[in-house]
Amino acid sequence: MKIKIIILSMLLIFPYSIASIEAKTFKIVSYNVENLFDLTKDRTEYTEYIPNTGHGWNKDIVDIKVTNIAKVIKNLGADIVALQEIESKQALIFLQNKLKKLMWTTHILKLQTLRPHR
């Protein structure tokens, strides 16, 4: 008899003890930032992105580009952002720091480069 009461009690209480499960949506974005190079000359750059040469790739231009990319990422409101065409981890960290200034939390899950870096 005690077992029947325990089972009956569990059947009556169990449905109320489970938190409601709701489907949640999230937004994934893929963003090609088009040639985000850092300011380190390590022979992985295209000619026009060699820092501080006549082509104009310098700290001011990098800062403008990174600021614009960060604003776009923040305004997208995505939960996950996959980025393409970032030259190096240094360039990615520069972007990450800019996003932090815009109060957008970032986590680097995987950095894959096609060219070796020194």
N, C-alpha and C. Protein backbone atom coordinates (compact mmCIF):
# COMPACT_ATOMS: atom_id res chain seq x y z
N MET A 1 0.82 -1.19 0.00
CA MET A 1 0.00 0.00 0.00
C MET A 1 0.87 1.26 0.00
N LYS A 2 1.97 1.22 0.79
CA LYS A 2 2.85 2.38 0.85
C LYS A 2 3.46 2.66 -0.52
N ILE A 3 3.79 1.63 -1.25
CA ILE A 3 4.39 1.80 -2.57
C ILE A 3 3.39 2.46 -3.51
N LYS A 4 2.12 2.07 -3.45
CA LYS A 4 1.10 2.67 -4.30
C LYS A 4 0.94 4.17 -3.97
N ILE A 5 1.00 4.51 -2.71
CA ILE A 5 0.87 5.91 -2.30
C ILE A 5 2.08 6.71 -2.79
N ILE A 6 3.26 6.12 -2.69
CA ILE A 6 4.47 6.81 -3.15
C ILE A 6 4.41 7.02 -4.66
N ILE A 7 4.03 6.01 -5.39
CA ILE A 7 3.93 6.11 -6.85
C ILE A 7 2.86 7.14 -7.23
N LEU A 8 1.73 7.09 -6.61
CA LEU A 8 0.66 8.04 -6.88
C LEU A 8 1.11 9.46 -6.57
N SER A 9 1.81 9.64 -5.46
CA SER A 9 2.32 10.96 -5.08
C SER A 9 3.31 11.47 -6.13
N MET A 10 4.19 10.58 -6.59
CA MET A 10 5.17 10.97 -7.60
C MET A 10 4.48 11.37 -8.90
N LEU A 11 3.47 10.63 -9.29
CA LEU A 11 2.75 10.95 -10.52
C LEU A 11 2.03 12.29 -10.43
N LEU A 12 1.57 12.64 -9.23
CA LEU A 12 0.87 13.91 -9.06
C LEU A 12 1.84 15.09 -8.94
N ILE A 13 3.01 14.86 -8.33
CA ILE A 13 3.96 15.94 -8.08
C ILE A 13 4.92 16.13 -9.25
N PHE A 14 5.31 15.07 -9.91
CA PHE A 14 6.34 15.10 -10.95
C PHE A 14 6.06 16.13 -12.06
N PRO A 15 4.85 16.18 -12.61
CA PRO A 15 4.62 17.15 -13.68
C PRO A 15 4.84 18.60 -13.24
N TYR A 16 4.64 18.91 -12.01
CA TYR A 16 4.81 20.27 -11.52
C TYR A 16 6.26 20.59 -11.17
N SER A 17 7.07 19.56 -11.03
CA SER A 17 8.46 19.78 -10.64
C SER A 17 9.37 20.01 -11.86
N ILE A 18 8.87 19.74 -13.03
CA ILE A 18 9.67 19.94 -14.24
C ILE A 18 9.51 21.38 -14.71
N ALA A 19 10.61 22.06 -14.88
CA ALA A 19 10.55 23.44 -15.39
C ALA A 19 10.08 23.39 -16.83
N SER A 20 9.34 24.39 -17.21
CA SER A 20 8.85 24.40 -18.59
C SER A 20 10.04 24.57 -19.52
N ILE A 21 10.01 23.84 -20.59
CA ILE A 21 11.08 23.88 -21.57
C ILE A 21 10.54 24.62 -22.79
N GLU A 22 11.23 25.69 -23.14
CA GLU A 22 10.82 26.49 -24.28
C GLU A 22 11.90 26.43 -25.34
N ALA A 23 11.47 26.43 -26.57
CA ALA A 23 12.43 26.51 -27.66
C ALA A 23 12.95 27.94 -27.72
N LYS A 24 14.25 28.09 -27.84
CA LYS A 24 14.85 29.41 -27.93
C LYS A 24 15.49 29.55 -29.31
N THR A 25 15.36 30.70 -29.86
CA THR A 25 16.01 30.94 -31.14
C THR A 25 17.29 31.73 -30.90
N PHE A 26 18.21 31.58 -31.80
CA PHE A 26 19.44 32.36 -31.73
C PHE A 26 19.86 32.70 -33.16
N LYS A 27 20.65 33.74 -33.27
CA LYS A 27 21.03 34.28 -34.56
C LYS A 27 22.51 34.01 -34.81
N ILE A 28 22.80 33.40 -35.96
CA ILE A 28 24.17 33.13 -36.39
C ILE A 28 24.45 33.97 -37.62
N VAL A 29 25.59 34.65 -37.62
CA VAL A 29 25.95 35.52 -38.73
C VAL A 29 27.34 35.15 -39.22
N SER A 30 27.52 35.14 -40.53
CA SER A 30 28.82 34.98 -41.15
C SER A 30 29.18 36.32 -41.77
N TYR A 31 30.37 36.83 -41.45
CA TYR A 31 30.75 38.18 -41.86
C TYR A 31 32.17 38.17 -42.42
N ASN A 32 32.30 38.48 -43.70
CA ASN A 32 33.61 38.60 -44.32
C ASN A 32 34.05 40.05 -44.16
N VAL A 33 35.04 40.28 -43.31
CA VAL A 33 35.47 41.63 -42.98
C VAL A 33 36.43 42.22 -44.02
N GLU A 34 36.77 41.45 -45.03
CA GLU A 34 37.59 41.89 -46.16
C GLU A 34 38.94 42.48 -45.75
N ASN A 35 39.90 41.62 -45.61
CA ASN A 35 41.29 42.02 -45.41
C ASN A 35 41.55 42.83 -44.15
N LEU A 36 41.26 42.24 -43.01
CA LEU A 36 41.62 42.91 -41.76
C LEU A 36 43.03 42.45 -41.39
N PHE A 37 43.99 43.30 -41.73
CA PHE A 37 45.39 43.02 -41.44
C PHE A 37 45.83 43.79 -40.21
N ASP A 38 46.81 43.25 -39.50
CA ASP A 38 47.36 43.95 -38.34
C ASP A 38 48.44 44.92 -38.82
N LEU A 39 49.18 45.48 -37.90
CA LEU A 39 50.23 46.44 -38.24
C LEU A 39 51.63 45.86 -38.07
N THR A 40 51.73 44.55 -38.12
CA THR A 40 53.02 43.88 -38.02
C THR A 40 53.43 43.38 -39.40
N LYS A 41 54.59 43.77 -39.84
CA LYS A 41 55.09 43.31 -41.14
C LYS A 41 55.73 41.94 -40.93
N ASP A 42 55.00 40.90 -41.32
CA ASP A 42 55.53 39.55 -41.14
C ASP A 42 55.49 38.74 -42.45
N ARG A 43 55.41 39.44 -43.57
CA ARG A 43 55.44 38.85 -44.92
C ARG A 43 54.22 38.00 -45.23
N THR A 44 53.13 38.19 -44.51
CA THR A 44 51.88 37.51 -44.86
C THR A 44 50.90 38.48 -45.50
N GLU A 45 51.28 39.76 -45.58
CA GLU A 45 50.39 40.80 -46.08
C GLU A 45 50.37 40.84 -47.60
N TYR A 46 49.24 41.28 -48.13
CA TYR A 46 49.21 41.69 -49.53
C TYR A 46 49.99 42.99 -49.59
N THR A 47 50.53 43.33 -50.75
CA THR A 47 51.37 44.52 -50.89
C THR A 47 50.70 45.77 -50.33
N GLU A 48 49.43 45.97 -50.63
CA GLU A 48 48.75 47.19 -50.19
C GLU A 48 48.46 47.23 -48.69
N TYR A 49 48.71 46.11 -47.99
CA TYR A 49 48.47 46.06 -46.54
C TYR A 49 49.77 45.97 -45.73
N ILE A 50 50.90 46.23 -46.38
CA ILE A 50 52.15 46.31 -45.63
C ILE A 50 52.07 47.60 -44.82
N PRO A 51 52.24 47.51 -43.52
CA PRO A 51 52.01 48.69 -42.67
C PRO A 51 52.99 49.83 -42.92
N ASN A 52 52.44 51.04 -42.82
CA ASN A 52 53.21 52.28 -42.86
C ASN A 52 54.05 52.44 -44.12
N THR A 53 53.44 52.12 -45.26
CA THR A 53 54.10 52.34 -46.55
C THR A 53 53.24 53.32 -47.34
N GLY A 54 53.60 53.54 -48.57
CA GLY A 54 52.88 54.48 -49.42
C GLY A 54 51.46 54.06 -49.74
N HIS A 55 51.09 52.83 -49.39
CA HIS A 55 49.73 52.35 -49.69
C HIS A 55 48.70 52.83 -48.67
N GLY A 56 49.16 53.39 -47.55
CA GLY A 56 48.23 53.99 -46.60
C GLY A 56 47.72 53.09 -45.49
N TRP A 57 48.24 51.88 -45.37
CA TRP A 57 47.78 51.00 -44.28
C TRP A 57 48.55 51.37 -43.03
N ASN A 58 47.90 52.12 -42.13
CA ASN A 58 48.56 52.60 -40.93
C ASN A 58 47.59 52.51 -39.74
N LYS A 59 48.05 52.93 -38.58
CA LYS A 59 47.25 52.80 -37.36
C LYS A 59 45.90 53.50 -37.48
N ASP A 60 45.88 54.69 -38.06
CA ASP A 60 44.61 55.42 -38.18
C ASP A 60 43.61 54.68 -39.06
N ILE A 61 44.07 54.13 -40.18
CA ILE A 61 43.18 53.41 -41.10
C ILE A 61 42.70 52.11 -40.46
N VAL A 62 43.61 51.41 -39.79
CA VAL A 62 43.23 50.17 -39.10
C VAL A 62 42.18 50.47 -38.03
N ASP A 63 42.37 51.53 -37.29
CA ASP A 63 41.42 51.89 -36.24
C ASP A 63 40.04 52.21 -36.82
N ILE A 64 40.00 52.93 -37.92
CA ILE A 64 38.71 53.24 -38.58
C ILE A 64 38.04 51.95 -39.04
N LYS A 65 38.81 51.07 -39.70
CA LYS A 65 38.25 49.82 -40.21
C LYS A 65 37.72 48.95 -39.06
N VAL A 66 38.52 48.81 -38.01
CA VAL A 66 38.11 47.97 -36.88
C VAL A 66 36.90 48.57 -36.16
N THR A 67 36.86 49.88 -36.01
CA THR A 67 35.70 50.53 -35.39
C THR A 67 34.44 50.27 -36.19
N ASN A 68 34.53 50.40 -37.51
CA ASN A 68 33.36 50.16 -38.37
C ASN A 68 32.91 48.70 -38.31
N ILE A 69 33.85 47.78 -38.34
CA ILE A 69 33.51 46.35 -38.24
C ILE A 69 32.83 46.07 -36.89
N ALA A 70 33.38 46.61 -35.82
CA ALA A 70 32.82 46.39 -34.48
C ALA A 70 31.39 46.93 -34.39
N LYS A 71 31.14 48.09 -34.97
CA LYS A 71 29.78 48.66 -34.94
C LYS A 71 28.81 47.78 -35.71
N VAL A 72 29.24 47.26 -36.86
CA VAL A 72 28.38 46.38 -37.65
C VAL A 72 28.05 45.12 -36.85
N ILE A 73 29.08 44.50 -36.25
CA ILE A 73 28.86 43.28 -35.48
C ILE A 73 27.89 43.54 -34.33
N LYS A 74 28.09 44.61 -33.61
CA LYS A 74 27.20 44.92 -32.49
C LYS A 74 25.76 45.14 -32.98
N ASN A 75 25.61 45.89 -34.08
CA ASN A 75 24.27 46.19 -34.59
C ASN A 75 23.56 44.97 -35.18
N LEU A 76 24.30 43.95 -35.57
CA LEU A 76 23.69 42.73 -36.08
C LEU A 76 22.90 42.00 -34.99
N GLY A 77 23.33 42.16 -33.75
CA GLY A 77 22.64 41.51 -32.64
C GLY A 77 22.70 40.00 -32.69
N ALA A 78 23.77 39.46 -33.24
CA ALA A 78 23.90 38.01 -33.37
C ALA A 78 24.40 37.37 -32.08
N ASP A 79 24.04 36.12 -31.90
CA ASP A 79 24.55 35.35 -30.78
C ASP A 79 25.91 34.73 -31.11
N ILE A 80 26.08 34.37 -32.38
CA ILE A 80 27.32 33.77 -32.87
C ILE A 80 27.70 34.49 -34.16
N VAL A 81 28.98 34.90 -34.24
CA VAL A 81 29.48 35.56 -35.44
C VAL A 81 30.71 34.80 -35.93
N ALA A 82 30.67 34.34 -37.18
CA ALA A 82 31.82 33.71 -37.82
C ALA A 82 32.46 34.74 -38.72
N LEU A 83 33.75 34.99 -38.53
CA LEU A 83 34.45 36.02 -39.28
C LEU A 83 35.42 35.41 -40.28
N GLN A 84 35.54 36.04 -41.44
CA GLN A 84 36.50 35.61 -42.45
C GLN A 84 37.42 36.78 -42.80
N GLU A 85 38.58 36.43 -43.34
CA GLU A 85 39.60 37.34 -43.85
C GLU A 85 40.22 38.23 -42.76
N ILE A 86 40.56 37.59 -41.66
CA ILE A 86 41.34 38.26 -40.62
C ILE A 86 42.74 37.67 -40.67
N GLU A 87 43.73 38.53 -40.86
CA GLU A 87 45.09 38.05 -41.10
C GLU A 87 45.68 37.26 -39.95
N SER A 88 45.46 37.72 -38.73
CA SER A 88 46.21 37.15 -37.62
C SER A 88 45.42 37.21 -36.32
N LYS A 89 45.93 36.51 -35.34
CA LYS A 89 45.32 36.57 -34.01
C LYS A 89 45.43 37.99 -33.46
N GLN A 90 46.52 38.67 -33.76
CA GLN A 90 46.70 40.05 -33.29
C GLN A 90 45.59 40.96 -33.83
N ALA A 91 45.24 40.81 -35.11
CA ALA A 91 44.15 41.62 -35.69
C ALA A 91 42.82 41.25 -35.05
N LEU A 92 42.61 39.98 -34.77
CA LEU A 92 41.37 39.53 -34.13
C LEU A 92 41.26 40.08 -32.71
N ILE A 93 42.35 40.09 -31.98
CA ILE A 93 42.34 40.62 -30.62
C ILE A 93 42.08 42.13 -30.64
N PHE A 94 42.63 42.83 -31.62
CA PHE A 94 42.37 44.26 -31.76
C PHE A 94 40.86 44.50 -31.94
N LEU A 95 40.24 43.68 -32.80
CA LEU A 95 38.79 43.77 -33.01
C LEU A 95 38.03 43.41 -31.73
N GLN A 96 38.47 42.39 -31.06
CA GLN A 96 37.82 41.96 -29.81
C GLN A 96 37.87 43.08 -28.77
N ASN A 97 38.99 43.75 -28.65
CA ASN A 97 39.12 44.85 -27.69
C ASN A 97 38.20 46.01 -28.06
N LYS A 98 38.04 46.27 -29.35
CA LYS A 98 37.14 47.34 -29.79
C LYS A 98 35.69 46.97 -29.45
N LEU A 99 35.34 45.71 -29.62
CA LEU A 99 33.99 45.26 -29.28
C LEU A 99 33.72 45.39 -27.79
N LYS A 100 34.73 45.11 -26.98
CA LYS A 100 34.56 45.27 -25.53
C LYS A 100 34.27 46.71 -25.17
N LYS A 101 34.91 47.65 -25.86
CA LYS A 101 34.65 49.07 -25.62
C LYS A 101 33.21 49.44 -25.97
N LEU A 102 32.62 48.70 -26.91
CA LEU A 102 31.22 48.92 -27.28
C LEU A 102 30.27 48.09 -26.41
N MET A 103 30.82 47.49 -25.35
CA MET A 103 30.02 46.69 -24.41
C MET A 103 29.42 45.45 -25.07
N TRP A 104 30.18 44.79 -25.93
CA TRP A 104 29.72 43.57 -26.58
C TRP A 104 30.66 42.46 -26.17
N THR A 105 30.14 41.43 -25.54
CA THR A 105 30.96 40.34 -25.02
C THR A 105 31.39 39.41 -26.15
N THR A 106 32.66 39.06 -26.14
CA THR A 106 33.19 38.17 -27.18
C THR A 106 33.91 36.99 -26.57
N HIS A 107 33.91 35.91 -27.33
CA HIS A 107 34.67 34.72 -26.97
C HIS A 107 35.22 34.15 -28.27
N ILE A 108 36.50 33.92 -28.33
CA ILE A 108 37.11 33.32 -29.51
C ILE A 108 37.07 31.82 -29.33
N LEU A 109 36.32 31.14 -30.19
CA LEU A 109 36.22 29.69 -30.08
C LEU A 109 37.29 29.00 -30.89
N LYS A 110 37.54 29.49 -32.10
CA LYS A 110 38.54 28.85 -32.93
C LYS A 110 39.12 29.87 -33.87
N LEU A 111 40.41 29.87 -33.98
CA LEU A 111 41.10 30.73 -34.93
C LEU A 111 41.82 29.81 -35.90
N GLN A 112 41.44 29.91 -37.16
CA GLN A 112 42.06 29.08 -38.17
C GLN A 112 42.72 29.98 -39.19
N THR A 113 43.98 29.78 -39.41
CA THR A 113 44.70 30.57 -40.41
C THR A 113 45.14 29.65 -41.54
N LEU A 114 45.18 30.21 -42.72
CA LEU A 114 45.62 29.44 -43.88
C LEU A 114 47.10 29.62 -44.16
N ARG A 115 47.66 30.72 -43.66
CA ARG A 115 49.07 31.00 -43.86
C ARG A 115 49.80 30.89 -42.53
N PRO A 116 51.01 30.36 -42.56
CA PRO A 116 51.76 30.26 -41.30
C PRO A 116 52.14 31.65 -40.79
N HIS A 117 52.12 31.82 -39.48
CA HIS A 117 52.53 33.07 -38.85
C HIS A 117 53.74 32.82 -37.99
N ARG A 118 54.60 33.78 -37.96
CA ARG A 118 55.82 33.66 -37.15
C ARG A 118 55.59 34.24 -35.78
